[in-house]
Amino acid sequence: MIEKRAAQRHRVFKGGTITFENCGIACTVRNMSGNGAAIDLENPIILPQSFTLSISRDNFVRNCRTVWRNDKRIGLAFVQ
């Protein structure tokens, strides 16, 4: 398998929140890099083109877009 990521991801297990249109959805952040992350959602949901990922315990907030999706796991790219 060829690695396409520009930066190596590190495994994590942190609670996060996806926010868009005044709506907040809990998620679990499974891995992260400087360019993106993979998250798990409890239930499959349709996400807008862009949204915000925050991890409150780390004071982490990034604008994101979906890069790939597999059932309840979603790969995100951080948008500058």
C-alpha atoms as a PDB file:
ATOM      1  CA  MET A   1       0.000   0.000   0.000  1.00  0.00           C
ATOM      2  CA  ILE A   2       1.381   3.405  -0.981  1.00  0.00           C
ATOM      3  CA  GLU A   3       1.241   6.121   1.687  1.00  0.00           C
ATOM      4  CA  LYS A   4      -0.289   9.308   0.227  1.00  0.00           C
ATOM      5  CA  ARG A   5      -0.267  11.487   3.334  1.00  0.00           C
ATOM      6  CA  ALA A   6       2.062  14.484   3.403  1.00  0.00           C
ATOM      7  CA  ALA A   7       2.590  14.145   7.179  1.00  0.00           C
ATOM      8  CA  GLN A   8       2.707  11.073   9.416  1.00  0.00           C
ATOM      9  CA  ARG A   9      -0.355  10.554  11.610  1.00  0.00           C
ATOM     10  CA  HIS A  10      -0.115   9.626  15.265  1.00  0.00           C
ATOM     11  CA  ARG A  11      -2.624   7.411  17.048  1.00  0.00           C
ATOM     12  CA  VAL A  12      -4.745   9.163  19.639  1.00  0.00           C
ATOM     13  CA  PHE A  13      -7.990   8.454  21.458  1.00  0.00           C
ATOM     14  CA  LYS A  14      -9.584  11.805  22.304  1.00  0.00           C
ATOM     15  CA  GLY A  15     -13.109  13.080  22.555  1.00  0.00           C
ATOM     16  CA  GLY A  16     -13.908  15.800  20.067  1.00  0.00           C
ATOM     17  CA  THR A  17     -16.787  17.777  18.655  1.00  0.00           C
ATOM     18  CA  ILE A  18     -17.705  18.544  15.071  1.00  0.00           C
ATOM     19  CA  THR A  19     -19.627  21.789  14.716  1.00  0.00           C
ATOM     20  CA  PHE A  20     -21.527  23.260  11.779  1.00  0.00           C
ATOM     21  CA  GLU A  21     -24.683  25.313  11.377  1.00  0.00           C
ATOM     22  CA  ASN A  22     -25.005  25.774  15.181  1.00  0.00           C
ATOM     23  CA  CYS A  23     -24.991  21.983  15.636  1.00  0.00           C
ATOM     24  CA  GLY A  24     -22.474  19.985  17.685  1.00  0.00           C
ATOM     25  CA  ILE A  25     -21.806  16.269  17.169  1.00  0.00           C
ATOM     26  CA  ALA A  26     -19.576  14.220  19.456  1.00  0.00           C
ATOM     27  CA  CYS A  27     -16.797  12.228  17.828  1.00  0.00           C
ATOM     28  CA  THR A  28     -13.698  10.246  18.769  1.00  0.00           C
ATOM     29  CA  VAL A  29     -10.428  11.400  17.235  1.00  0.00           C
ATOM     30  CA  ARG A  30      -8.439   8.255  16.341  1.00  0.00           C
ATOM     31  CA  ASN A  31      -5.335   9.706  14.709  1.00  0.00           C
ATOM     32  CA  MET A  32      -3.906  13.120  13.881  1.00  0.00           C
ATOM     33  CA  SER A  33      -1.172  14.894  11.970  1.00  0.00           C
ATOM     34  CA  GLY A  34      -0.439  18.509  11.241  1.00  0.00           C
ATOM     35  CA  ASN A  35      -2.542  18.215   8.079  1.00  0.00           C
ATOM     36  CA  GLY A  36      -5.545  16.160   9.152  1.00  0.00           C
ATOM     37  CA  ALA A  37      -7.176  13.544  11.331  1.00  0.00           C
ATOM     38  CA  ALA A  38      -9.394  10.482  11.323  1.00  0.00           C
ATOM     39  CA  ILE A  39     -12.493  10.501  13.479  1.00  0.00           C
ATOM     40  CA  ASP A  40     -15.169   7.995  14.437  1.00  0.00           C
ATOM     41  CA  LEU A  41     -18.826   8.953  14.719  1.00  0.00           C
ATOM     42  CA  GLU A  42     -21.353   6.988  16.726  1.00  0.00           C
ATOM     43  CA  ASN A  43     -23.845   7.085  13.865  1.00  0.00           C
ATOM     44  CA  PRO A  44     -23.383   7.717  10.153  1.00  0.00           C
ATOM     45  CA  ILE A  45     -24.253  11.325   9.343  1.00  0.00           C
ATOM     46  CA  ILE A  46     -24.102  13.560   6.299  1.00  0.00           C
ATOM     47  CA  LEU A  47     -21.624  16.363   6.883  1.00  0.00           C
ATOM     48  CA  PRO A  48     -21.434  19.693   5.063  1.00  0.00           C
ATOM     49  CA  GLN A  49     -18.496  20.493   2.791  1.00  0.00           C
ATOM     50  CA  SER A  50     -16.649  22.278   5.629  1.00  0.00           C
ATOM     51  CA  PHE A  51     -16.994  22.186   9.418  1.00  0.00           C
ATOM     52  CA  THR A  52     -14.977  22.659  12.597  1.00  0.00           C
ATOM     53  CA  LEU A  53     -13.263  19.985  14.699  1.00  0.00           C
ATOM     54  CA  SER A  54     -12.499  20.891  18.311  1.00  0.00           C
ATOM     55  CA  ILE A  55     -10.860  18.976  21.147  1.00  0.00           C
ATOM     56  CA  SER A  56     -11.660  20.976  24.264  1.00  0.00           C
ATOM     57  CA  ARG A  57      -9.100  19.365  26.594  1.00  0.00           C
ATOM     58  CA  ASP A  58      -6.309  20.397  24.187  1.00  0.00           C
ATOM     59  CA  ASN A  59      -7.741  23.821  23.244  1.00  0.00           C
ATOM     60  CA  PHE A  60      -7.607  22.523  19.673  1.00  0.00           C
ATOM     61  CA  VAL A  61      -9.858  24.016  16.968  1.00  0.00           C
ATOM     62  CA  ARG A  62      -9.430  23.497  13.198  1.00  0.00           C
ATOM     63  CA  ASN A  63     -11.566  24.056  10.133  1.00  0.00           C
ATOM     64  CA  CYS A  64     -11.868  20.805   8.173  1.00  0.00           C
ATOM     65  CA  ARG A  65     -13.147  19.121   5.067  1.00  0.00           C
ATOM     66  CA  THR A  66     -13.879  15.436   4.469  1.00  0.00           C
ATOM     67  CA  VAL A  67     -11.262  13.598   2.380  1.00  0.00           C
ATOM     68  CA  TRP A  68     -12.559  10.031   2.673  1.00  0.00           C
ATOM     69  CA  ARG A  69     -15.264   8.112   4.471  1.00  0.00           C
ATOM     70  CA  ASN A  70     -15.758   4.482   5.501  1.00  0.00           C
ATOM     71  CA  ASP A  71     -19.037   3.843   7.356  1.00  0.00           C
ATOM     72  CA  LYS A  72     -18.538   5.635  10.703  1.00  0.00           C
ATOM     73  CA  ARG A  73     -14.864   6.624  10.220  1.00  0.00           C
ATOM     74  CA  ILE A  74     -14.046   9.855   8.385  1.00  0.00           C
ATOM     75  CA  GLY A  75     -10.709  11.172   7.187  1.00  0.00           C
ATOM     76  CA  LEU A  76     -10.343  14.932   7.541  1.00  0.00           C
ATOM     77  CA  ALA A  77      -8.005  17.496   6.027  1.00  0.00           C
ATOM     78  CA  PHE A  78      -7.374  20.668   7.989  1.00  0.00           C
ATOM     79  CA  VAL A  79      -8.177  23.776   5.953  1.00  0.00           C
ATOM     80  CA  GLN A  80      -5.971  26.833   6.366  1.00  0.00           C
END
